[in-house]
Amino acid sequence: MAFEQLKAQIGMLLGEMNGQPEDLHELYLQVHQELAQMRATGMDVPADLVELEQRLLAEFPLAPPPRA
């Protein structure tokens, strides 16, 4: 998947966060999945998205930890 497409998907997920705050755990899982895909393909993950992932992880400590 192209980097620009992944960025667009993450942007859509962030938009969903504002519209559906009751689904933040699902959003965390989706963001984590997208970032894991970026990491798996060797793409650089933007620092602000890593920070977002860490903030969401702090909110949902029972969620699986991100893979490095």
PDB file of N, CA and C in Angstrom:
ATOM      1  N   MET A   1       0.850  -1.169   0.000  1.00  0.00           N
ATOM      2  CA  MET A   1       0.000   0.000   0.000  1.00  0.00           C
ATOM      3  C   MET A   1       0.900   1.238   0.000  1.00  0.00           C
ATOM      4  N   ALA A   2       0.582   2.210  -0.798  1.00  0.00           N
ATOM      5  CA  ALA A   2       1.393   3.412  -0.928  1.00  0.00           C
ATOM      6  C   ALA A   2       1.323   4.266   0.336  1.00  0.00           C
ATOM      7  N   PHE A   3       2.404   4.954   0.603  1.00  0.00           N
ATOM      8  CA  PHE A   3       2.501   5.799   1.789  1.00  0.00           C
ATOM      9  C   PHE A   3       1.375   6.824   1.837  1.00  0.00           C
ATOM     10  N   GLU A   4       1.092   7.462   0.718  1.00  0.00           N
ATOM     11  CA  GLU A   4       0.032   8.481   0.685  1.00  0.00           C
ATOM     12  C   GLU A   4      -1.336   7.874   1.017  1.00  0.00           C
ATOM     13  N   GLN A   5      -1.569   6.655   0.561  1.00  0.00           N
ATOM     14  CA  GLN A   5      -2.839   5.990   0.854  1.00  0.00           C
ATOM     15  C   GLN A   5      -2.941   5.676   2.345  1.00  0.00           C
ATOM     16  N   LEU A   6      -1.840   5.228   2.941  1.00  0.00           N
ATOM     17  CA  LEU A   6      -1.842   4.966   4.380  1.00  0.00           C
ATOM     18  C   LEU A   6      -2.081   6.243   5.164  1.00  0.00           C
ATOM     19  N   LYS A   7      -1.437   7.333   4.743  1.00  0.00           N
ATOM     20  CA  LYS A   7      -1.649   8.611   5.420  1.00  0.00           C
ATOM     21  C   LYS A   7      -3.107   9.026   5.322  1.00  0.00           C
ATOM     22  N   ALA A   8      -3.711   8.815   4.175  1.00  0.00           N
ATOM     23  CA  ALA A   8      -5.119   9.174   3.997  1.00  0.00           C
ATOM     24  C   ALA A   8      -6.001   8.331   4.915  1.00  0.00           C
ATOM     25  N   GLN A   9      -5.715   7.038   5.022  1.00  0.00           N
ATOM     26  CA  GLN A   9      -6.513   6.172   5.885  1.00  0.00           C
ATOM     27  C   GLN A   9      -6.379   6.596   7.345  1.00  0.00           C
ATOM     28  N   ILE A  10      -5.171   6.928   7.763  1.00  0.00           N
ATOM     29  CA  ILE A  10      -4.975   7.370   9.139  1.00  0.00           C
ATOM     30  C   ILE A  10      -5.700   8.684   9.376  1.00  0.00           C
ATOM     31  N   GLY A  11      -5.679   9.561   8.392  1.00  0.00           N
ATOM     32  CA  GLY A  11      -6.426  10.814   8.507  1.00  0.00           C
ATOM     33  C   GLY A  11      -7.914  10.573   8.674  1.00  0.00           C
ATOM     34  N   MET A  12      -8.439   9.606   7.937  1.00  0.00           N
ATOM     35  CA  MET A  12      -9.859   9.275   8.070  1.00  0.00           C
ATOM     36  C   MET A  12     -10.138   8.709   9.464  1.00  0.00           C
ATOM     37  N   LEU A  13      -9.239   7.885   9.973  1.00  0.00           N
ATOM     38  CA  LEU A  13      -9.414   7.329  11.308  1.00  0.00           C
ATOM     39  C   LEU A  13      -9.420   8.431  12.365  1.00  0.00           C
ATOM     40  N   LEU A  14      -8.541   9.411  12.195  1.00  0.00           N
ATOM     41  CA  LEU A  14      -8.507  10.524  13.135  1.00  0.00           C
ATOM     42  C   LEU A  14      -9.800  11.326  13.069  1.00  0.00           C
ATOM     43  N   GLY A  15     -10.355  11.467  11.881  1.00  0.00           N
ATOM     44  CA  GLY A  15     -11.643  12.136  11.741  1.00  0.00           C
ATOM     45  C   GLY A  15     -12.747  11.383  12.453  1.00  0.00           C
ATOM     46  N   GLU A  16     -12.684  10.065  12.408  1.00  0.00           N
ATOM     47  CA  GLU A  16     -13.664   9.244  13.109  1.00  0.00           C
ATOM     48  C   GLU A  16     -13.564   9.431  14.615  1.00  0.00           C
ATOM     49  N   MET A  17     -12.360   9.692  15.109  1.00  0.00           N
ATOM     50  CA  MET A  17     -12.180   9.876  16.541  1.00  0.00           C
ATOM     51  C   MET A  17     -13.047  11.028  17.044  1.00  0.00           C
ATOM     52  N   ASN A  18     -13.118  12.088  16.272  1.00  0.00           N
ATOM     53  CA  ASN A  18     -13.925  13.233  16.663  1.00  0.00           C
ATOM     54  C   ASN A  18     -15.408  12.932  16.574  1.00  0.00           C
ATOM     55  N   GLY A  19     -15.803  12.097  15.638  1.00  0.00           N
ATOM     56  CA  GLY A  19     -17.212  11.807  15.436  1.00  0.00           C
ATOM     57  C   GLY A  19     -17.765  10.699  16.305  1.00  0.00           C
ATOM     58  N   GLN A  20     -16.915   9.805  16.789  1.00  0.00           N
ATOM     59  CA  GLN A  20     -17.389   8.662  17.556  1.00  0.00           C
ATOM     60  C   GLN A  20     -16.498   8.410  18.765  1.00  0.00           C
ATOM     61  N   PRO A  21     -16.515   9.290  19.750  1.00  0.00           N
ATOM     62  CA  PRO A  21     -15.610   9.125  20.883  1.00  0.00           C
ATOM     63  C   PRO A  21     -15.853   7.844  21.681  1.00  0.00           C
ATOM     64  N   GLU A  22     -17.016   7.250  21.574  1.00  0.00           N
ATOM     65  CA  GLU A  22     -17.268   6.005  22.307  1.00  0.00           C
ATOM     66  C   GLU A  22     -16.514   4.828  21.696  1.00  0.00           C
ATOM     67  N   ASP A  23     -15.953   5.006  20.519  1.00  0.00           N
ATOM     68  CA  ASP A  23     -15.236   3.940  19.846  1.00  0.00           C
ATOM     69  C   ASP A  23     -13.723   4.173  19.838  1.00  0.00           C
ATOM     70  N   LEU A  24     -13.186   4.843  20.846  1.00  0.00           N
ATOM     71  CA  LEU A  24     -11.769   5.160  20.847  1.00  0.00           C
ATOM     72  C   LEU A  24     -10.896   3.911  20.902  1.00  0.00           C
ATOM     73  N   HIS A  25     -11.347   2.886  21.590  1.00  0.00           N
ATOM     74  CA  HIS A  25     -10.547   1.665  21.648  1.00  0.00           C
ATOM     75  C   HIS A  25     -10.437   1.047  20.265  1.00  0.00           C
ATOM     76  N   GLU A  26     -11.531   1.006  19.536  1.00  0.00           N
ATOM     77  CA  GLU A  26     -11.495   0.477  18.162  1.00  0.00           C
ATOM     78  C   GLU A  26     -10.599   1.350  17.292  1.00  0.00           C
ATOM     79  N   LEU A  27     -10.668   2.657  17.488  1.00  0.00           N
ATOM     80  CA  LEU A  27      -9.811   3.569  16.738  1.00  0.00           C
ATOM     81  C   LEU A  27      -8.346   3.274  17.040  1.00  0.00           C
ATOM     82  N   TYR A  28      -8.023   3.073  18.319  1.00  0.00           N
ATOM     83  CA  TYR A  28      -6.647   2.728  18.679  1.00  0.00           C
ATOM     84  C   TYR A  28      -6.196   1.488  17.918  1.00  0.00           C
ATOM     85  N   LEU A  29      -7.027   0.473  17.912  1.00  0.00           N
ATOM     86  CA  LEU A  29      -6.650  -0.760  17.231  1.00  0.00           C
ATOM     87  C   LEU A  29      -6.428  -0.535  15.740  1.00  0.00           C
ATOM     88  N   GLN A  30      -7.263   0.286  15.126  1.00  0.00           N
ATOM     89  CA  GLN A  30      -7.118   0.568  13.703  1.00  0.00           C
ATOM     90  C   GLN A  30      -5.857   1.375  13.423  1.00  0.00           C
ATOM     91  N   VAL A  31      -5.595   2.392  14.245  1.00  0.00           N
ATOM     92  CA  VAL A  31      -4.384   3.203  14.071  1.00  0.00           C
ATOM     93  C   VAL A  31      -3.164   2.311  14.258  1.00  0.00           C
ATOM     94  N   HIS A  32      -3.199   1.488  15.297  1.00  0.00           N
ATOM     95  CA  HIS A  32      -2.077   0.581  15.549  1.00  0.00           C
ATOM     96  C   HIS A  32      -1.844  -0.344  14.353  1.00  0.00           C
ATOM     97  N   GLN A  33      -2.914  -0.863  13.788  1.00  0.00           N
ATOM     98  CA  GLN A  33      -2.803  -1.760  12.643  1.00  0.00           C
ATOM     99  C   GLN A  33      -2.186  -1.039  11.442  1.00  0.00           C
ATOM    100  N   GLU A  34      -2.639   0.173  11.177  1.00  0.00           N
ATOM    101  CA  GLU A  34      -2.097   0.936  10.047  1.00  0.00           C
ATOM    102  C   GLU A  34      -0.620   1.247  10.257  1.00  0.00           C
ATOM    103  N   LEU A  35      -0.252   1.647  11.481  1.00  0.00           N
ATOM    104  CA  LEU A  35       1.148   1.958  11.750  1.00  0.00           C
ATOM    105  C   LEU A  35       2.001   0.698  11.699  1.00  0.00           C
ATOM    106  N   ALA A  36       1.471  -0.420  12.158  1.00  0.00           N
ATOM    107  CA  ALA A  36       2.200  -1.685  12.075  1.00  0.00           C
ATOM    108  C   ALA A  36       2.455  -2.051  10.619  1.00  0.00           C
ATOM    109  N   GLN A  37       1.482  -1.786   9.765  1.00  0.00           N
ATOM    110  CA  GLN A  37       1.655  -2.061   8.340  1.00  0.00           C
ATOM    111  C   GLN A  37       2.746  -1.165   7.756  1.00  0.00           C
ATOM    112  N   MET A  38       2.767   0.097   8.173  1.00  0.00           N
ATOM    113  CA  MET A  38       3.803   1.011   7.702  1.00  0.00           C
ATOM    114  C   MET A  38       5.177   0.509   8.146  1.00  0.00           C
ATOM    115  N   ARG A  39       5.268   0.099   9.406  1.00  0.00           N
ATOM    116  CA  ARG A  39       6.538  -0.400   9.932  1.00  0.00           C
ATOM    117  C   ARG A  39       6.969  -1.668   9.199  1.00  0.00           C
ATOM    118  N   ALA A  40       6.014  -2.551   8.930  1.00  0.00           N
ATOM    119  CA  ALA A  40       6.320  -3.829   8.283  1.00  0.00           C
ATOM    120  C   ALA A  40       6.852  -3.633   6.865  1.00  0.00           C
ATOM    121  N   THR A  41       6.427  -2.570   6.218  1.00  0.00           N
ATOM    122  CA  THR A  41       6.884  -2.315   4.852  1.00  0.00           C
ATOM    123  C   THR A  41       8.112  -1.412   4.823  1.00  0.00           C
ATOM    124  N   GLY A  42       8.642  -1.089   6.003  1.00  0.00           N
ATOM    125  CA  GLY A  42       9.859  -0.293   6.081  1.00  0.00           C
ATOM    126  C   GLY A  42       9.657   1.195   5.938  1.00  0.00           C
ATOM    127  N   MET A  43       8.414   1.646   5.970  1.00  0.00           N
ATOM    128  CA  MET A  43       8.150   3.080   5.857  1.00  0.00           C
ATOM    129  C   MET A  43       8.469   3.771   7.179  1.00  0.00           C
ATOM    130  N   ASP A  44       8.881   5.017   7.083  1.00  0.00           N
ATOM    131  CA  ASP A  44       9.076   5.817   8.276  1.00  0.00           C
ATOM    132  C   ASP A  44       7.709   6.229   8.800  1.00  0.00           C
ATOM    133  N   VAL A  45       7.515   6.042  10.092  1.00  0.00           N
ATOM    134  CA  VAL A  45       6.255   6.428  10.715  1.00  0.00           C
ATOM    135  C   VAL A  45       6.444   7.839  11.266  1.00  0.00           C
ATOM    136  N   PRO A  46       5.593   8.776  10.869  1.00  0.00           N
ATOM    137  CA  PRO A  46       5.729  10.145  11.368  1.00  0.00           C
ATOM    138  C   PRO A  46       5.659  10.189  12.893  1.00  0.00           C
ATOM    139  N   ALA A  47       6.499  11.031  13.480  1.00  0.00           N
ATOM    140  CA  ALA A  47       6.598  11.129  14.937  1.00  0.00           C
ATOM    141  C   ALA A  47       5.265  11.482  15.581  1.00  0.00           C
ATOM    142  N   ASP A  48       4.471  12.335  14.929  1.00  0.00           N
ATOM    143  CA  ASP A  48       3.191  12.715  15.537  1.00  0.00           C
ATOM    144  C   ASP A  48       2.233  11.527  15.598  1.00  0.00           C
ATOM    145  N   LEU A  49       2.312  10.619  14.633  1.00  0.00           N
ATOM    146  CA  LEU A  49       1.459   9.437  14.671  1.00  0.00           C
ATOM    147  C   LEU A  49       1.935   8.444  15.723  1.00  0.00           C
ATOM    148  N   VAL A  50       3.249   8.361  15.923  1.00  0.00           N
ATOM    149  CA  VAL A  50       3.784   7.513  16.995  1.00  0.00           C
ATOM    150  C   VAL A  50       3.320   8.062  18.343  1.00  0.00           C
ATOM    151  N   GLU A  51       3.346   9.395  18.484  1.00  0.00           N
ATOM    152  CA  GLU A  51       2.879  10.016  19.725  1.00  0.00           C
ATOM    153  C   GLU A  51       1.393   9.734  19.945  1.00  0.00           C
ATOM    154  N   LEU A  52       0.605   9.835  18.891  1.00  0.00           N
ATOM    155  CA  LEU A  52      -0.828   9.528  19.003  1.00  0.00           C
ATOM    156  C   LEU A  52      -1.015   8.083  19.444  1.00  0.00           C
ATOM    157  N   GLU A  53      -0.275   7.174  18.832  1.00  0.00           N
ATOM    158  CA  GLU A  53      -0.378   5.761  19.189  1.00  0.00           C
ATOM    159  C   GLU A  53      -0.047   5.562  20.665  1.00  0.00           C
ATOM    160  N   GLN A  54       0.996   6.234  21.151  1.00  0.00           N
ATOM    161  CA  GLN A  54       1.387   6.105  22.550  1.00  0.00           C
ATOM    162  C   GLN A  54       0.321   6.675  23.489  1.00  0.00           C
ATOM    163  N   ARG A  55      -0.279   7.792  23.095  1.00  0.00           N
ATOM    164  CA  ARG A  55      -1.352   8.376  23.918  1.00  0.00           C
ATOM    165  C   ARG A  55      -2.550   7.440  23.992  1.00  0.00           C
ATOM    166  N   LEU A  56      -2.914   6.862  22.859  1.00  0.00           N
ATOM    167  CA  LEU A  56      -4.040   5.929  22.851  1.00  0.00           C
ATOM    168  C   LEU A  56      -3.699   4.675  23.653  1.00  0.00           C
ATOM    169  N   LEU A  57      -2.463   4.229  23.572  1.00  0.00           N
ATOM    170  CA  LEU A  57      -2.030   3.069  24.351  1.00  0.00           C
ATOM    171  C   LEU A  57      -2.152   3.361  25.843  1.00  0.00           C
ATOM    172  N   ALA A  58      -1.819   4.580  26.250  1.00  0.00           N
ATOM    173  CA  ALA A  58      -1.948   4.964  27.658  1.00  0.00           C
ATOM    174  C   ALA A  58      -3.413   4.947  28.096  1.00  0.00           C
ATOM    175  N   GLU A  59      -4.319   5.278  27.175  1.00  0.00           N
ATOM    176  CA  GLU A  59      -5.756   5.258  27.480  1.00  0.00           C
ATOM    177  C   GLU A  59      -6.296   3.842  27.581  1.00  0.00           C
ATOM    178  N   PHE A  60      -5.697   2.923  26.841  1.00  0.00           N
ATOM    179  CA  PHE A  60      -6.187   1.547  26.755  1.00  0.00           C
ATOM    180  C   PHE A  60      -5.056   0.575  27.085  1.00  0.00           C
ATOM    181  N   PRO A  61      -4.649   0.515  28.359  1.00  0.00           N
ATOM    182  CA  PRO A  61      -3.493  -0.315  28.721  1.00  0.00           C
ATOM    183  C   PRO A  61      -3.697  -1.808  28.479  1.00  0.00           C
ATOM    184  N   LEU A  62      -4.921  -2.249  28.304  1.00  0.00           N
ATOM    185  CA  LEU A  62      -5.161  -3.663  28.046  1.00  0.00           C
ATOM    186  C   LEU A  62      -5.022  -3.998  26.575  1.00  0.00           C
ATOM    187  N   ALA A  63      -4.878  -2.979  25.752  1.00  0.00           N
ATOM    188  CA  ALA A  63      -4.701  -3.205  24.311  1.00  0.00           C
ATOM    189  C   ALA A  63      -3.324  -3.814  24.093  1.00  0.00           C
ATOM    190  N   PRO A  64      -3.152  -4.586  23.029  1.00  0.00           N
ATOM    191  CA  PRO A  64      -1.847  -5.178  22.764  1.00  0.00           C
ATOM    192  C   PRO A  64      -0.810  -4.084  22.508  1.00  0.00           C
ATOM    193  N   PRO A  65       0.417  -4.246  23.029  1.00  0.00           N
ATOM    194  CA  PRO A  65       1.432  -3.210  22.813  1.00  0.00           C
ATOM    195  C   PRO A  65       1.850  -3.156  21.360  1.00  0.00           C
ATOM    196  N   PRO A  66       2.241  -1.969  20.875  1.00  0.00           N
ATOM    197  CA  PRO A  66       2.668  -1.853  19.481  1.00  0.00           C
ATOM    198  C   PRO A  66       3.943  -2.640  19.242  1.00  0.00           C
ATOM    199  N   ARG A  67       4.046  -3.200  18.068  1.00  0.00           N
ATOM    200  CA  ARG A  67       5.260  -3.923  17.687  1.00  0.00           C
ATOM    201  C   ARG A  67       6.285  -2.936  17.146  1.00  0.00           C
ATOM    202  N   ALA A  68       7.504  -3.136  17.504  1.00  0.00           N
ATOM    203  CA  ALA A  68       8.566  -2.229  17.032  1.00  0.00           C
ATOM    204  C   ALA A  68       9.067  -2.656  15.678  1.00  0.00           C
TER     205      ALA A  68
END
